[in-house]
Amino acid sequence: MKKIIIFISIFLLFGNLIAYAKVYSEHNYVIDEINNKKIAIPKVYNVKSTIVQIKGYTGKVENGQFLSKPEDLFVSKQGNIYISDTGNNRVLMLKTNGEFINEITTCNGISLNAPTGVFVSQDEHIYIADSQNSRILHLSKDFNFIEQFVAPKSDLLDENMIFQPTKIGLNPANGYIYVTYGKHFMTIDSQNRFKGFIGSKMINFTFADKIIKAFGTREQKNIIIKKEPPAYNNLFVMDSGLIYAVNEDKSSQINLINSAGNNIFPVKFYGEPTYEKMKGLVMPNITDITVDKDNFITILDGKTAKLYQYDKEGNMLCSFGDKGSTNGNLQNPTAISINENGEILVLDALSNSVIIFMPTDFILTVHKAINYSFNGEYELALKEWNAVNIKSSNYPVSKNMLGKINFKNENYSEAMKHYLVSNNRVGYGTAFEKLRYTLSSKYFVYVVIALILFAFAIKFIIKRLSKIAKHISNLLYGIERRK
């Protein structure tokens, strides 16, 4: 009987664990950064379609209707899909529905050799990182060759430098090409001249590093001295010329690099660590980033096949995606891009496919609410946030935004309620201070009048009591005299 009870207890325990895991595999979630916990939310993106076989393929590559180990993806302003089909040594141009438009396999007399990156400008000029040929190709929208960029010559560069561009971007403001180059980006102008490196990160030395630098052996000190910032994995160049970039750092995995080369994005942890039995806590491997027209940022963790979305202030909006071979899951995602309709395209190098995710009403409402909030249209924002709150009562972003909106509308007591629910102690404390100040300012005159009246009343009472006491004293004194 005892064994049966133990068996049932173990079964129920594992059943609960499986059910808990199921919540987060079947539902999307957001990480409440204040309370450091996952919160299940309604679905944010649905699979709209999957491109496995290219429709109407008329190119020259054998079995060219299929991709082979593709590594990069870009959706132009016009909605066309460009794929760096690395294993087939080509770059493809497809329609939104996956129908074949064009491809390039040879350029300037040389066959493409494992191209790893593609970028498309606003006027649909194509830039290709032809990595193994050590060049960057510039083509017209009709795939006609315009120019190529090779290793730039400069006294500032090592003459033995290996130039193998992998991920690239173009600054529309000045025509500079940015190339991922380890811990920073190489900048090349339109004349193939080296213009410097930008985006180098500061090295954060730990307390242990400082101890080693002070008291360690020469070998240990050399290791610390040679410590370098983490390498950049990918970039996304905005129309303004600002660069969003992702790296392998243990924190601040998203950078927004300005013209001075400095990161101006909020410094904190992005993505989430995972636990592996043999390795323990493993940091995310953020391999790509894309940004839509409203500055909603989506990043891809190539290790877990999860996508994370943030607003321009770094607030997490959602996480979705998972590893697997079933519909909607990803096997080895390598790149992401977003079209003008807000649909997210994910390139998978193992399934050799493009999965197109369409936003749901829930996340569209969240986007709308955030846009209204940032634009100062608080009444409209309040309406949308209340709609979000109905669909997901524990959604931390809505609670904090409702708190902020009520705070800006000087409704401090209501702001305190929302901050209390979201456990935002800083917001709650600020709202409380404002409420106390407002109340004291509003009723200051009445409080002063009341205090004055109270003082007069006390004075009058003391005077009356003094007279009564004196009268009683005289009476008692007269009675004593008669005795």
Protein backbone atom coordinates (compact mmCIF):
# COMPACT_ATOMS: atom_id res chain seq x y z
CA MET A 1 0.00 0.00 0.00
CA LYS A 2 2.86 2.32 0.90
CA LYS A 3 4.55 1.66 -2.49
CA ILE A 4 1.31 2.45 -4.31
CA ILE A 5 0.98 5.78 -2.50
CA ILE A 6 4.59 6.69 -3.35
CA PHE A 7 4.02 5.74 -7.01
CA ILE A 8 0.88 7.86 -7.22
CA SER A 9 2.69 10.83 -5.60
CA ILE A 10 5.57 10.61 -8.10
CA PHE A 11 3.09 10.30 -10.98
CA LEU A 12 1.20 13.40 -9.85
CA LEU A 13 4.44 15.35 -9.37
CA PHE A 14 5.69 14.57 -12.87
CA GLY A 15 2.23 15.18 -14.25
CA ASN A 16 2.29 18.69 -12.80
CA LEU A 17 5.79 19.31 -14.16
CA ILE A 18 4.73 18.12 -17.62
CA ALA A 19 1.61 20.31 -17.48
CA TYR A 20 3.75 23.29 -16.41
CA ALA A 21 6.18 22.71 -19.27
CA LYS A 22 3.25 22.34 -21.65
CA VAL A 23 1.95 25.81 -20.74
CA TYR A 24 5.14 27.40 -22.00
CA SER A 25 5.55 25.20 -25.07
CA GLU A 26 1.99 25.68 -26.27
CA HIS A 27 1.61 29.30 -25.17
CA ASN A 28 3.81 32.30 -25.66
CA TYR A 29 5.19 34.12 -22.67
CA VAL A 30 6.85 37.25 -21.41
CA ILE A 31 9.45 37.57 -18.68
CA ASP A 32 8.42 39.84 -15.84
CA GLU A 33 11.79 41.51 -15.23
CA ILE A 34 10.78 43.03 -11.90
CA ASN A 35 9.66 39.71 -10.38
CA ASN A 36 11.96 37.60 -12.58
CA LYS A 37 9.36 35.06 -13.66
CA LYS A 38 7.66 33.84 -16.83
CA ILE A 39 4.06 34.83 -17.48
CA ALA A 40 1.99 32.96 -20.07
CA ILE A 41 0.28 35.27 -22.57
CA PRO A 42 -2.05 34.78 -25.56
CA LYS A 43 -0.47 33.70 -28.82
CA VAL A 44 1.44 36.53 -30.49
CA TYR A 45 2.28 35.09 -33.92
CA ASN A 46 0.71 32.36 -36.08
CA VAL A 47 2.37 30.52 -38.94
CA LYS A 48 0.98 32.05 -42.11
CA SER A 49 2.91 29.92 -44.61
CA THR A 50 6.15 28.02 -45.17
CA ILE A 51 8.34 28.25 -48.25
CA VAL A 52 9.98 24.87 -48.87
CA GLN A 53 9.85 24.55 -52.63
CA ILE A 54 10.35 27.63 -54.79
CA LYS A 55 7.40 28.14 -57.10
CA GLY A 56 8.06 28.52 -60.82
CA TYR A 57 11.82 28.05 -60.57
CA THR A 58 13.50 28.63 -63.97
CA GLY A 59 17.11 29.12 -62.87
CA LYS A 60 20.23 27.14 -63.73
CA VAL A 61 21.04 25.43 -60.41
CA GLU A 62 20.39 21.68 -60.26
CA ASN A 63 17.50 21.05 -57.85
CA GLY A 64 17.41 24.83 -57.54
CA GLN A 65 13.77 24.78 -56.45
CA PHE A 66 15.14 23.85 -53.01
CA LEU A 67 17.40 25.78 -50.66
CA SER A 68 20.68 24.37 -49.34
CA LYS A 69 22.04 25.52 -45.97
CA PRO A 70 20.91 29.14 -46.37
CA GLU A 71 22.49 31.65 -43.98
CA ASP A 72 20.90 35.05 -44.51
CA LEU A 73 17.58 36.65 -45.36
CA PHE A 74 16.40 40.17 -46.19
CA VAL A 75 12.95 41.54 -47.06
CA SER A 76 13.01 44.73 -49.13
CA LYS A 77 10.69 47.72 -48.70
CA GLN A 78 8.88 46.46 -51.80
CA GLY A 79 8.21 43.10 -50.09
CA ASN A 80 10.58 40.95 -52.14
CA ILE A 81 12.48 38.19 -50.31
CA TYR A 82 16.25 37.87 -50.78
CA ILE A 83 17.99 34.72 -49.58
CA SER A 84 21.69 34.05 -49.29
CA ASP A 85 21.49 30.39 -50.33
CA THR A 86 24.97 29.47 -49.12
CA GLY A 87 25.02 25.78 -49.99
CA ASN A 88 23.90 26.47 -53.58
CA ASN A 89 26.41 29.34 -54.01
CA ARG A 90 23.77 31.86 -55.05
CA VAL A 91 21.47 34.65 -53.92
CA LEU A 92 17.76 34.31 -54.67
CA MET A 93 15.04 36.90 -55.20
CA LEU A 94 11.49 35.71 -54.50
CA LYS A 95 8.04 37.23 -54.40
CA THR A 96 6.18 37.46 -51.10
CA ASN A 97 4.45 34.14 -51.80
CA GLY A 98 7.75 32.36 -52.51
CA GLU A 99 7.53 32.53 -56.31
CA PHE A 100 10.84 32.74 -58.19
CA ILE A 101 11.90 36.10 -59.65
CA ASN A 102 15.64 35.94 -60.17
CA GLU A 103 18.95 34.52 -58.92
CA ILE A 104 22.63 35.26 -59.25
CA THR A 105 25.28 32.54 -59.28
CA THR A 106 28.11 34.30 -61.16
CA CYS A 107 29.19 37.93 -60.99
CA ASN A 108 31.98 39.84 -62.69
CA GLY A 109 33.27 36.60 -64.19
CA ILE A 110 33.56 34.74 -60.88
CA SER A 111 31.05 32.23 -59.46
CA LEU A 112 29.69 33.06 -56.03
CA ASN A 113 31.35 30.98 -53.33
CA ALA A 114 29.31 30.37 -50.16
CA PRO A 115 27.67 33.83 -49.85
CA THR A 116 26.72 34.40 -46.20
CA GLY A 117 25.07 37.82 -46.14
CA VAL A 118 22.68 39.96 -48.17
CA PHE A 119 21.45 43.53 -47.75
CA VAL A 120 18.95 45.44 -49.90
CA SER A 121 18.81 49.25 -50.01
CA GLN A 122 15.69 51.42 -50.14
CA ASP A 123 15.91 51.60 -53.96
CA GLU A 124 16.35 47.80 -54.03
CA HIS A 125 20.03 47.69 -54.86
CA ILE A 126 21.51 44.42 -53.66
CA TYR A 127 24.70 44.00 -51.62
CA ILE A 128 26.10 40.46 -51.23
CA ALA A 129 28.76 39.22 -48.82
CA ASP A 130 30.52 36.75 -51.11
CA SER A 131 32.54 35.48 -48.19
CA GLN A 132 34.84 32.84 -49.68
CA ASN A 133 35.67 35.13 -52.62
CA SER A 134 36.64 37.89 -50.15
CA ARG A 135 34.41 40.51 -51.76
CA ILE A 136 31.17 42.45 -51.42
CA LEU A 137 29.08 42.72 -54.58
CA HIS A 138 26.84 45.66 -55.47
CA LEU A 139 24.07 44.87 -57.97
CA SER A 140 21.16 46.81 -59.43
CA LYS A 141 17.59 45.72 -58.73
CA ASP A 142 17.73 43.80 -62.02
CA PHE A 143 20.77 41.86 -60.75
CA ASN A 144 23.18 43.69 -63.06
CA PHE A 145 26.72 44.11 -61.71
CA ILE A 146 27.64 47.65 -60.61
CA GLU A 147 30.79 47.32 -58.51
CA GLN A 148 32.59 45.19 -55.98
CA PHE A 149 34.38 45.93 -52.72
CA VAL A 150 37.47 44.02 -51.67
CA ALA A 151 39.91 44.29 -48.75
CA PRO A 152 40.60 48.03 -48.36
CA LYS A 153 44.18 49.28 -48.26
CA SER A 154 45.23 51.38 -45.29
CA ASP A 155 48.25 51.92 -43.06
CA LEU A 156 45.87 51.42 -40.15
CA LEU A 157 45.14 47.82 -41.17
CA ASP A 158 47.31 44.77 -40.81
CA GLU A 159 48.67 43.86 -44.24
CA ASN A 160 48.00 40.19 -43.44
CA MET A 161 44.37 40.91 -42.58
CA ILE A 162 41.92 38.27 -43.82
CA PHE A 163 38.90 39.91 -45.45
CA GLN A 164 35.96 37.49 -45.43
CA PRO A 165 32.76 39.52 -45.03
CA THR A 166 29.91 37.56 -43.47
CA LYS A 167 27.17 40.07 -42.49
CA ILE A 168 26.84 43.52 -44.04
CA GLY A 169 24.73 46.67 -43.97
CA LEU A 170 24.57 50.02 -45.77
CA ASN A 171 24.17 53.47 -44.25
CA PRO A 172 21.74 55.28 -46.59
CA ALA A 173 22.85 58.67 -45.28
CA ASN A 174 26.50 58.47 -46.42
CA GLY A 175 26.76 55.26 -48.43
CA TYR A 176 29.14 53.60 -45.97
CA ILE A 177 29.17 49.80 -45.89
CA TYR A 178 29.37 48.17 -42.47
CA VAL A 179 30.98 44.73 -42.20
CA THR A 180 30.94 42.55 -39.08
CA TYR A 181 34.54 42.19 -38.02
CA GLY A 182 34.83 40.54 -34.63
CA LYS A 183 34.47 42.98 -31.76
CA HIS A 184 33.53 45.92 -34.02
CA PHE A 185 32.34 46.89 -37.52
CA MET A 186 34.64 47.76 -40.38
CA THR A 187 33.52 50.83 -42.31
CA ILE A 188 34.17 51.14 -46.06
CA ASP A 189 33.13 54.11 -48.18
CA SER A 190 31.83 54.06 -51.77
CA GLN A 191 35.42 54.31 -53.09
CA ASN A 192 36.46 51.12 -51.26
CA ARG A 193 38.44 53.15 -48.72
CA PHE A 194 38.77 52.12 -45.08
CA LYS A 195 36.99 54.65 -42.83
CA GLY A 196 37.70 53.08 -39.47
CA PHE A 197 36.15 50.70 -36.97
CA ILE A 198 33.04 51.55 -34.95
CA GLY A 199 31.07 49.93 -32.17
CA SER A 200 33.93 48.61 -30.03
CA LYS A 201 32.60 47.71 -26.59
CA MET A 202 34.26 48.44 -23.30
CA ILE A 203 35.61 45.40 -21.47
CA ASN A 204 33.91 44.82 -18.13
CA PHE A 205 36.47 43.44 -15.68
CA THR A 206 35.05 41.40 -12.82
CA PHE A 207 36.21 41.67 -9.20
CA ALA A 208 38.16 38.41 -9.74
CA ASP A 209 39.89 39.96 -12.78
CA LYS A 210 40.96 42.95 -10.69
CA ILE A 211 42.37 40.66 -7.99
CA ILE A 212 44.35 38.74 -10.63
CA LYS A 213 45.67 42.00 -12.13
CA ALA A 214 46.86 43.05 -8.68
CA PHE A 215 48.20 39.78 -7.26
CA GLY A 216 48.23 37.16 -10.05
CA THR A 217 51.16 35.55 -11.81
CA ARG A 218 52.52 36.97 -15.06
CA GLU A 219 50.69 34.30 -17.07
CA GLN A 220 47.39 35.09 -15.32
CA LYS A 221 47.87 38.83 -15.88
CA ASN A 222 48.60 38.26 -19.58
CA ILE A 223 45.31 36.38 -19.94
CA ILE A 224 43.44 39.31 -18.38
CA ILE A 225 45.29 41.87 -20.54
CA LYS A 226 44.43 39.95 -23.72
CA LYS A 227 40.76 39.80 -22.79
CA GLU A 228 38.66 41.27 -25.62
CA PRO A 229 35.03 42.38 -25.97
CA PRO A 230 32.56 39.84 -27.41
CA ALA A 231 32.19 39.58 -31.17
CA TYR A 232 29.20 40.93 -33.07
CA ASN A 233 27.02 38.30 -34.75
CA ASN A 234 24.81 40.48 -36.91
CA LEU A 235 23.47 43.96 -37.57
CA PHE A 236 20.45 45.89 -38.83
CA VAL A 237 21.00 49.38 -40.26
CA MET A 238 18.12 51.82 -39.82
CA ASP A 239 17.13 54.41 -42.44
CA SER A 240 18.56 57.02 -40.07
CA GLY A 241 21.99 55.34 -40.19
CA LEU A 242 21.82 54.04 -36.61
CA ILE A 243 22.98 50.45 -36.26
CA TYR A 244 21.19 47.82 -34.22
CA ALA A 245 23.59 44.98 -33.48
CA VAL A 246 23.64 41.73 -31.50
CA ASN A 247 26.66 40.18 -29.84
CA GLU A 248 27.78 37.30 -27.63
CA ASP A 249 28.08 39.33 -24.44
CA LYS A 250 26.83 37.99 -21.10
CA SER A 251 24.69 41.12 -20.81
CA SER A 252 23.56 43.93 -23.11
CA GLN A 253 23.20 41.56 -26.06
CA ILE A 254 21.43 44.30 -28.05
CA ASN A 255 23.33 47.46 -28.98
CA LEU A 256 22.14 50.60 -30.77
CA ILE A 257 25.24 52.28 -32.15
CA ASN A 258 25.11 56.00 -32.96
CA SER A 259 27.31 58.01 -35.35
CA ALA A 260 29.95 58.38 -32.62
CA GLY A 261 30.16 54.59 -32.32
CA ASN A 262 28.60 54.46 -28.85
CA ASN A 263 25.83 52.18 -27.62
CA ILE A 264 22.71 54.17 -26.70
CA PHE A 265 20.39 51.22 -26.04
CA PRO A 266 19.43 50.39 -22.41
CA VAL A 267 22.13 48.20 -20.87
CA LYS A 268 20.63 45.01 -19.42
CA PHE A 269 20.18 41.30 -20.19
CA TYR A 270 18.28 40.37 -23.36
CA GLY A 271 16.98 36.95 -24.30
CA GLU A 272 17.20 34.41 -21.50
CA PRO A 273 19.74 31.87 -20.26
CA THR A 274 19.01 28.14 -20.42
CA TYR A 275 20.04 25.34 -18.14
CA GLU A 276 21.90 22.34 -19.55
CA LYS A 277 22.64 19.32 -17.41
CA MET A 278 26.34 19.03 -18.25
CA LYS A 279 27.09 22.75 -18.73
CA GLY A 280 24.83 24.38 -16.17
CA LEU A 281 23.60 27.90 -17.01
CA VAL A 282 24.19 28.67 -20.70
CA MET A 283 23.97 32.17 -22.15
CA PRO A 284 21.77 32.82 -25.21
CA ASN A 285 23.31 32.83 -28.67
CA ILE A 286 21.65 35.83 -30.34
CA THR A 287 22.36 35.34 -34.04
CA ASP A 288 20.18 37.95 -35.77
CA ILE A 289 18.08 41.05 -35.26
CA THR A 290 15.38 42.84 -37.24
CA VAL A 291 13.51 46.09 -36.58
CA ASP A 292 10.16 47.16 -38.03
CA LYS A 293 8.98 50.63 -39.09
CA ASP A 294 7.67 51.36 -35.56
CA ASN A 295 10.97 50.39 -33.90
CA PHE A 296 9.79 47.07 -32.50
CA ILE A 297 12.90 44.92 -32.19
CA THR A 298 12.93 41.15 -32.68
CA ILE A 299 15.98 39.02 -31.97
CA LEU A 300 16.68 35.35 -32.68
CA ASP A 301 18.35 32.91 -30.31
CA GLY A 302 19.85 30.38 -32.71
CA LYS A 303 20.51 27.91 -29.90
CA THR A 304 16.96 27.60 -28.55
CA ALA A 305 15.12 28.69 -31.73
CA LYS A 306 13.22 31.29 -29.70
CA LEU A 307 12.40 34.82 -30.81
CA TYR A 308 12.21 37.72 -28.37
CA GLN A 309 10.56 41.04 -29.06
CA TYR A 310 11.22 44.40 -27.37
CA ASP A 311 10.10 48.00 -27.74
CA LYS A 312 12.57 50.85 -28.34
CA GLU A 313 13.08 51.30 -24.59
CA GLY A 314 14.10 47.65 -24.17
CA ASN A 315 10.85 46.47 -22.55
CA MET A 316 10.17 42.82 -23.38
CA LEU A 317 6.88 42.32 -25.21
CA CYS A 318 6.87 38.58 -25.93
CA SER A 319 8.76 35.39 -26.63
CA PHE A 320 7.67 32.76 -29.13
CA GLY A 321 9.07 29.90 -31.21
CA ASP A 322 10.60 26.60 -30.23
CA LYS A 323 12.81 23.81 -31.53
CA GLY A 324 11.20 20.90 -33.34
CA SER A 325 10.16 19.47 -36.67
CA THR A 326 6.41 20.06 -36.34
CA ASN A 327 4.60 22.88 -38.09
CA GLY A 328 5.63 26.28 -36.73
CA ASN A 329 8.69 24.99 -34.89
CA LEU A 330 12.26 25.71 -35.99
CA GLN A 331 15.20 23.34 -36.35
CA ASN A 332 18.25 25.50 -37.05
CA PRO A 333 17.16 29.12 -37.60
CA THR A 334 19.89 31.34 -38.98
CA ALA A 335 18.25 34.65 -39.93
CA ILE A 336 15.12 36.76 -39.51
CA SER A 337 13.58 39.70 -41.34
CA ILE A 338 10.29 41.61 -41.16
CA ASN A 339 8.10 42.95 -43.96
CA GLU A 340 5.95 46.08 -44.14
CA ASN A 341 2.91 44.11 -42.86
CA GLY A 342 4.69 43.22 -39.64
CA GLU A 343 5.12 39.57 -40.65
CA ILE A 344 8.32 37.97 -39.38
CA LEU A 345 10.20 35.67 -41.77
CA VAL A 346 12.56 33.07 -40.29
CA LEU A 347 15.19 31.27 -42.36
CA ASP A 348 15.93 27.69 -41.29
CA ALA A 349 19.20 26.13 -42.50
CA LEU A 350 18.30 22.58 -41.47
CA SER A 351 14.78 22.34 -42.92
CA ASN A 352 15.93 24.58 -45.83
CA SER A 353 12.81 26.67 -45.58
CA VAL A 354 11.38 30.09 -44.79
CA ILE A 355 8.64 30.21 -42.14
CA ILE A 356 6.40 33.29 -42.25
CA PHE A 357 4.80 34.32 -38.93
CA MET A 358 1.75 36.59 -38.95
CA PRO A 359 0.96 38.81 -35.91
CA THR A 360 -2.19 38.09 -33.91
CA ASP A 361 -4.72 40.66 -32.70
CA PHE A 362 -3.16 40.52 -29.23
CA ILE A 363 0.34 41.64 -30.22
CA LEU A 364 -1.07 44.16 -32.73
CA THR A 365 -3.08 45.71 -29.89
CA VAL A 366 0.09 45.82 -27.76
CA HIS A 367 1.97 47.55 -30.61
CA LYS A 368 -0.83 50.04 -31.09
CA ALA A 369 -0.97 50.81 -27.37
CA ILE A 370 2.80 51.35 -27.19
CA ASN A 371 2.80 53.64 -30.24
CA TYR A 372 0.03 55.77 -28.73
CA SER A 373 1.92 55.87 -25.42
CA PHE A 374 5.22 56.98 -26.99
CA ASN A 375 3.41 59.59 -29.13
CA GLY A 376 1.76 61.10 -26.06
CA GLU A 377 -1.79 60.15 -27.14
CA TYR A 378 -2.66 58.88 -23.68
CA GLU A 379 -6.44 58.65 -24.01
CA LEU A 380 -6.12 56.40 -27.05
CA ALA A 381 -3.31 54.46 -25.36
CA LEU A 382 -5.44 53.95 -22.25
CA LYS A 383 -8.19 52.40 -24.36
CA GLU A 384 -5.77 49.96 -26.04
CA TRP A 385 -4.00 49.04 -22.80
CA ASN A 386 -7.34 48.27 -21.17
CA ALA A 387 -8.08 45.96 -24.14
CA VAL A 388 -4.70 44.24 -23.59
CA ASN A 389 -5.49 43.98 -19.89
CA ILE A 390 -8.75 42.15 -20.63
CA LYS A 391 -6.94 39.57 -22.80
CA SER A 392 -4.02 39.15 -20.40
CA SER A 393 -4.63 40.49 -16.91
CA ASN A 394 -1.07 39.74 -15.74
CA TYR A 395 0.76 41.24 -18.72
CA PRO A 396 3.52 43.28 -17.00
CA VAL A 397 4.02 45.82 -19.79
CA SER A 398 0.35 46.87 -19.70
CA LYS A 399 0.42 47.26 -15.90
CA ASN A 400 3.50 49.43 -16.03
CA MET A 401 2.23 51.45 -19.01
CA LEU A 402 -1.14 52.00 -17.32
CA GLY A 403 0.80 53.16 -14.29
CA LYS A 404 2.87 55.57 -16.42
CA ILE A 405 -0.15 56.93 -18.28
CA ASN A 406 -2.12 57.54 -15.07
CA PHE A 407 1.01 59.12 -13.57
CA LYS A 408 1.35 61.51 -16.54
CA ASN A 409 -2.37 62.28 -16.29
CA GLU A 410 -1.69 63.13 -12.62
CA ASN A 411 -4.00 60.33 -11.49
CA TYR A 412 -1.48 59.18 -8.91
CA SER A 413 -3.76 56.95 -6.83
CA GLU A 414 -4.73 54.93 -9.93
CA ALA A 415 -1.07 54.78 -10.98
CA MET A 416 -0.21 53.37 -7.55
CA LYS A 417 -2.77 50.57 -8.03
CA HIS A 418 -1.20 49.44 -11.32
CA TYR A 419 2.33 49.73 -9.98
CA LEU A 420 1.31 47.72 -6.93
CA VAL A 421 -0.04 44.87 -9.09
CA SER A 422 3.13 44.80 -11.22
CA ASN A 423 5.31 45.06 -8.08
CA ASN A 424 7.03 48.14 -9.51
CA ARG A 425 8.31 49.59 -6.26
CA VAL A 426 10.11 52.53 -7.86
CA GLY A 427 7.00 53.60 -9.80
CA TYR A 428 4.80 53.12 -6.74
CA GLY A 429 7.14 55.17 -4.55
CA THR A 430 7.30 58.01 -7.07
CA ALA A 431 3.51 58.06 -7.48
CA PHE A 432 3.06 58.03 -3.69
CA GLU A 433 5.40 61.01 -3.28
CA LYS A 434 3.53 62.92 -5.99
CA LEU A 435 0.18 62.08 -4.42
CA ARG A 436 1.35 63.24 -1.01
CA TYR A 437 2.73 66.48 -2.48
CA THR A 438 -0.46 67.08 -4.51
CA LEU A 439 -2.72 66.53 -1.54
CA SER A 440 -0.63 68.74 0.72
CA SER A 441 -0.57 71.50 -1.94
CA LYS A 442 -4.29 71.22 -2.66
CA TYR A 443 -5.37 71.39 0.97
CA PHE A 444 -2.55 73.56 2.31
CA VAL A 445 -4.73 76.69 2.82
CA TYR A 446 -7.45 74.67 4.52
CA VAL A 447 -4.90 72.99 6.76
CA VAL A 448 -3.39 76.36 7.73
CA ILE A 449 -6.85 77.84 8.46
CA ALA A 450 -7.74 74.75 10.46
CA LEU A 451 -4.50 75.00 12.45
CA ILE A 452 -5.11 78.71 13.13
CA LEU A 453 -8.68 78.05 14.25
CA PHE A 454 -7.44 75.15 16.33
CA ALA A 455 -4.82 77.40 17.93
CA PHE A 456 -7.47 80.07 18.71
CA ALA A 457 -9.74 77.39 20.09
CA ILE A 458 -7.00 76.05 22.32
CA LYS A 459 -6.15 79.57 23.44
CA PHE A 460 -9.82 80.32 24.18
CA ILE A 461 -10.25 77.05 26.07
CA ILE A 462 -7.08 77.64 28.09
CA LYS A 463 -8.30 81.21 28.91
CA ARG A 464 -11.72 79.97 29.96
CA LEU A 465 -10.23 77.15 32.03
CA SER A 466 -7.87 79.63 33.66
CA LYS A 467 -10.80 81.87 34.68
CA ILE A 468 -12.77 78.91 35.97
CA ALA A 469 -9.77 77.68 37.92
CA LYS A 470 -9.24 81.15 39.38
CA HIS A 471 -12.89 81.43 40.32
CA ILE A 472 -12.84 78.02 42.01
CA SER A 473 -9.64 78.97 43.78
CA ASN A 474 -11.24 82.21 45.10
CA LEU A 475 -14.26 80.33 46.29
CA LEU A 476 -12.13 77.77 48.09
CA TYR A 477 -9.97 80.54 49.56
CA GLY A 478 -13.10 82.38 50.86
CA ILE A 479 -14.45 79.24 52.47
CA GLU A 480 -11.08 78.67 54.15
CA ARG A 481 -11.05 82.25 55.53
CA ARG A 482 -14.50 81.85 57.08
CA LYS A 483 -13.32 78.75 58.89
